[in-house]
C-alpha atoms as a PDB file:
ATOM      1  CA  UNK A   1      12.616 -28.916 144.912  1.00  0.00           C
ATOM      2  CA  UNK A   2      12.290 -32.045 142.628  1.00  0.00           C
ATOM      3  CA  UNK A   3      14.434 -34.931 142.957  1.00  0.00           C
ATOM      4  CA  UNK A   4      15.125 -37.078 139.921  1.00  0.00           C
ATOM      5  CA  UNK A   5      15.603 -40.693 140.177  1.00  0.00           C
ATOM      6  CA  UNK A   6      18.872 -42.298 138.630  1.00  0.00           C
ATOM      7  CA  UNK A   7      18.388 -44.462 135.615  1.00  0.00           C
ATOM      8  CA  UNK A   8      17.891 -48.084 136.551  1.00  0.00           C
ATOM      9  CA  UNK A   9      20.994 -49.222 134.566  1.00  0.00           C
ATOM     10  CA  UNK A  10      23.143 -47.248 136.844  1.00  0.00           C
ATOM     11  CA  UNK A  11      22.000 -48.820 140.238  1.00  0.00           C
ATOM     12  CA  UNK A  12      24.764 -51.412 139.984  1.00  0.00           C
ATOM     13  CA  UNK A  13      27.504 -48.822 139.917  1.00  0.00           C
ATOM     14  CA  UNK A  14      27.844 -48.127 143.710  1.00  0.00           C
ATOM     15  CA  UNK A  15      27.955 -51.666 144.860  1.00  0.00           C
ATOM     16  CA  UNK A  16      30.444 -52.696 142.035  1.00  0.00           C
ATOM     17  CA  UNK A  17      32.709 -49.764 143.006  1.00  0.00           C
ATOM     18  CA  UNK A  18      32.694 -50.637 146.668  1.00  0.00           C
ATOM     19  CA  UNK A  19      33.353 -54.469 145.810  1.00  0.00           C
ATOM     20  CA  UNK A  20      36.449 -53.381 143.615  1.00  0.00           C
ATOM     21  CA  UNK A  21      37.732 -51.069 146.407  1.00  0.00           C
ATOM     22  CA  UNK A  22      37.631 -53.884 149.031  1.00  0.00           C
ATOM     23  CA  UNK A  23      39.516 -56.458 146.822  1.00  0.00           C
ATOM     24  CA  UNK A  24      42.296 -54.230 145.427  1.00  0.00           C
ATOM     25  CA  UNK A  25      44.381 -54.303 148.626  1.00  0.00           C
ATOM     26  CA  UNK A  26      44.003 -58.063 148.999  1.00  0.00           C
ATOM     27  CA  UNK A  27      45.372 -58.466 145.501  1.00  0.00           C
ATOM     28  CA  UNK A  28      48.355 -56.002 145.994  1.00  0.00           C
ATOM     29  CA  UNK A  29      50.052 -57.846 148.826  1.00  0.00           C
ATOM     30  CA  UNK A  30      52.104 -61.065 148.558  1.00  0.00           C
ATOM     31  CA  UNK A  31      54.395 -61.947 151.356  1.00  0.00           C
ATOM     32  CA  UNK A  32      57.838 -63.605 150.893  1.00  0.00           C
ATOM     33  CA  UNK A  33      58.201 -64.391 154.456  1.00  0.00           C
ATOM     34  CA  UNK A  34      58.201 -68.188 153.925  1.00  0.00           C
ATOM     35  CA  UNK A  35      61.680 -67.723 152.337  1.00  0.00           C
ATOM     36  CA  UNK A  36      64.981 -67.128 154.224  1.00  0.00           C
ATOM     37  CA  UNK A  37      66.271 -64.211 152.252  1.00  0.00           C
ATOM     38  CA  UNK A  38      69.573 -64.285 154.304  1.00  0.00           C
ATOM     39  CA  UNK A  39      70.456 -67.705 152.892  1.00  0.00           C
ATOM     40  CA  UNK A  40      71.083 -69.079 149.275  1.00  0.00           C
ATOM     41  CA  UNK A  41      70.885 -72.751 148.197  1.00  0.00           C
ATOM     42  CA  UNK A  42      71.896 -74.427 144.740  1.00  0.00           C
ATOM     43  CA  UNK A  43      70.048 -77.270 143.031  1.00  0.00           C
ATOM     44  CA  UNK A  44      71.305 -78.840 139.726  1.00  0.00           C
ATOM     45  CA  UNK A  45      69.005 -81.035 137.690  1.00  0.00           C
ATOM     46  CA  UNK A  46      66.719 -80.879 134.680  1.00  0.00           C
ATOM     47  CA  UNK A  47      63.661 -78.637 134.065  1.00  0.00           C
ATOM     48  CA  UNK A  48      60.500 -80.342 134.469  1.00  0.00           C
ATOM     49  CA  UNK A  49      58.564 -77.155 133.518  1.00  0.00           C
ATOM     50  CA  UNK A  50      58.445 -73.446 133.460  1.00  0.00           C
ATOM     51  CA  UNK A  51      55.115 -72.264 134.431  1.00  0.00           C
ATOM     52  CA  UNK A  52      54.774 -68.775 132.870  1.00  0.00           C
ATOM     53  CA  UNK A  53      51.857 -67.777 134.852  1.00  0.00           C
ATOM     54  CA  UNK A  54      50.487 -64.771 136.662  1.00  0.00           C
ATOM     55  CA  UNK A  55      50.978 -63.511 139.362  1.00  0.00           C
ATOM     56  CA  UNK A  56      54.202 -65.543 139.578  1.00  0.00           C
ATOM     57  CA  UNK A  57      56.120 -67.767 137.419  1.00  0.00           C
ATOM     58  CA  UNK A  58      57.236 -71.163 138.664  1.00  0.00           C
ATOM     59  CA  UNK A  59      60.377 -73.270 137.876  1.00  0.00           C
ATOM     60  CA  UNK A  60      60.237 -77.001 138.535  1.00  0.00           C
ATOM     61  CA  UNK A  61      63.344 -78.746 138.585  1.00  0.00           C
ATOM     62  CA  UNK A  62      63.990 -82.468 139.155  1.00  0.00           C
ATOM     63  CA  UNK A  63      67.341 -83.041 141.020  1.00  0.00           C
ATOM     64  CA  UNK A  64      68.885 -86.446 141.635  1.00  0.00           C
ATOM     65  CA  UNK A  65      69.202 -87.727 145.173  1.00  0.00           C
ATOM     66  CA  UNK A  66      70.097 -91.029 146.889  1.00  0.00           C
ATOM     67  CA  UNK A  67      66.249 -91.690 147.279  1.00  0.00           C
ATOM     68  CA  UNK A  68      65.575 -90.844 143.706  1.00  0.00           C
ATOM     69  CA  UNK A  69      64.836 -87.743 141.791  1.00  0.00           C
ATOM     70  CA  UNK A  70      63.301 -84.957 143.974  1.00  0.00           C
ATOM     71  CA  UNK A  71      61.175 -82.161 142.627  1.00  0.00           C
ATOM     72  CA  UNK A  72      61.934 -78.627 143.641  1.00  0.00           C
ATOM     73  CA  UNK A  73      59.455 -75.721 143.047  1.00  0.00           C
ATOM     74  CA  UNK A  74      61.159 -72.402 142.753  1.00  0.00           C
ATOM     75  CA  UNK A  75      59.036 -69.322 142.840  1.00  0.00           C
ATOM     76  CA  UNK A  76      59.968 -66.554 140.398  1.00  0.00           C
ATOM     77  CA  UNK A  77      58.765 -63.089 139.658  1.00  0.00           C
ATOM     78  CA  UNK A  78      55.868 -61.907 137.672  1.00  0.00           C
ATOM     79  CA  UNK A  79      56.016 -62.647 133.879  1.00  0.00           C
ATOM     80  CA  UNK A  80      56.808 -58.882 132.972  1.00  0.00           C
ATOM     81  CA  UNK A  81      59.666 -58.863 135.425  1.00  0.00           C
ATOM     82  CA  UNK A  82      61.001 -62.121 133.959  1.00  0.00           C
ATOM     83  CA  UNK A  83      60.597 -60.597 130.565  1.00  0.00           C
ATOM     84  CA  UNK A  84      62.447 -57.513 131.402  1.00  0.00           C
ATOM     85  CA  UNK A  85      65.296 -59.865 132.762  1.00  0.00           C
ATOM     86  CA  UNK A  86      65.674 -61.455 129.389  1.00  0.00           C
ATOM     87  CA  UNK A  87      63.370 -64.409 129.985  1.00  0.00           C
ATOM     88  CA  UNK A  88      60.829 -65.712 127.560  1.00  0.00           C
ATOM     89  CA  UNK A  89      58.157 -68.424 128.029  1.00  0.00           C
ATOM     90  CA  UNK A  90      60.088 -70.727 125.754  1.00  0.00           C
ATOM     91  CA  UNK A  91      63.547 -70.148 127.281  1.00  0.00           C
ATOM     92  CA  UNK A  92      63.615 -73.410 128.986  1.00  0.00           C
ATOM     93  CA  UNK A  93      62.156 -76.781 127.853  1.00  0.00           C
ATOM     94  CA  UNK A  94      61.527 -79.956 129.678  1.00  0.00           C
ATOM     95  CA  UNK A  95      64.773 -81.890 129.958  1.00  0.00           C
ATOM     96  CA  UNK A  96      67.050 -78.815 129.744  1.00  0.00           C
ATOM     97  CA  UNK A  97      69.977 -79.060 132.387  1.00  0.00           C
ATOM     98  CA  UNK A  98      70.014 -76.105 134.833  1.00  0.00           C
ATOM     99  CA  UNK A  99      71.633 -75.033 138.039  1.00  0.00           C
ATOM    100  CA  UNK A 100      69.255 -72.644 140.048  1.00  0.00           C
ATOM    101  CA  UNK A 101      70.460 -70.495 142.920  1.00  0.00           C
ATOM    102  CA  UNK A 102      67.519 -69.585 145.415  1.00  0.00           C
ATOM    103  CA  UNK A 103      66.528 -68.348 148.875  1.00  0.00           C
ATOM    104  CA  UNK A 104      65.441 -71.569 150.583  1.00  0.00           C
ATOM    105  CA  UNK A 105      62.049 -71.977 152.313  1.00  0.00           C
ATOM    106  CA  UNK A 106      62.128 -71.443 156.108  1.00  0.00           C
ATOM    107  CA  UNK A 107      60.459 -74.867 156.708  1.00  0.00           C
ATOM    108  CA  UNK A 108      62.903 -76.912 154.718  1.00  0.00           C
ATOM    109  CA  UNK A 109      60.608 -78.049 152.077  1.00  0.00           C
ATOM    110  CA  UNK A 110      61.839 -78.496 148.539  1.00  0.00           C
ATOM    111  CA  UNK A 111      61.357 -75.005 147.251  1.00  0.00           C
ATOM    112  CA  UNK A 112      62.598 -71.310 147.239  1.00  0.00           C
ATOM    113  CA  UNK A 113      62.618 -68.040 145.886  1.00  0.00           C
ATOM    114  CA  UNK A 114      64.588 -67.551 142.743  1.00  0.00           C
ATOM    115  CA  UNK A 115      67.822 -65.718 142.573  1.00  0.00           C
ATOM    116  CA  UNK A 116      69.750 -66.855 139.370  1.00  0.00           C
ATOM    117  CA  UNK A 117      70.073 -69.714 136.959  1.00  0.00           C
ATOM    118  CA  UNK A 118      72.905 -71.007 134.683  1.00  0.00           C
ATOM    119  CA  UNK A 119      72.241 -73.321 131.865  1.00  0.00           C
ATOM    120  CA  UNK A 120      74.244 -76.457 130.785  1.00  0.00           C
ATOM    121  CA  UNK A 121      76.609 -74.368 128.845  1.00  0.00           C
ATOM    122  CA  UNK A 122      77.649 -72.260 131.965  1.00  0.00           C
ATOM    123  CA  UNK A 123      75.799 -69.206 130.646  1.00  0.00           C
ATOM    124  CA  UNK A 124      73.243 -67.289 132.897  1.00  0.00           C
ATOM    125  CA  UNK A 125      69.654 -67.990 131.861  1.00  0.00           C
ATOM    126  CA  UNK A 126      68.088 -64.684 130.891  1.00  0.00           C
ATOM    127  CA  UNK A 127      70.281 -61.543 131.668  1.00  0.00           C
ATOM    128  CA  UNK A 128      71.776 -63.362 134.750  1.00  0.00           C
ATOM    129  CA  UNK A 129      69.882 -61.445 137.195  1.00  0.00           C
END
């Protein structure tokens, strides 16, 4: 029985497939354990930036305090999830007034996991999810 050799151009295929198989599980998992999902907090201030990025969008809010403005980092869903919820990349602009409800971080840092937001007009941002 004669065995034929695979063309040289296909030799990269098995190592590439193995590398892809090993990275897929690492990309699929993202933990929200840093947030206390049993509590909600609210912050009112002005939008510094809406970061429309993958895998998660971020909302940066500047809120007044006795010590001066504090920056809050609110983690949001993936862009496609926000899009389905009525959000768009330009829905908020720097300087817009906003009130955000979020699940706070367990360590007390100035951040959280987005729950909902209301604009200066009292209307929900997006579809109000």
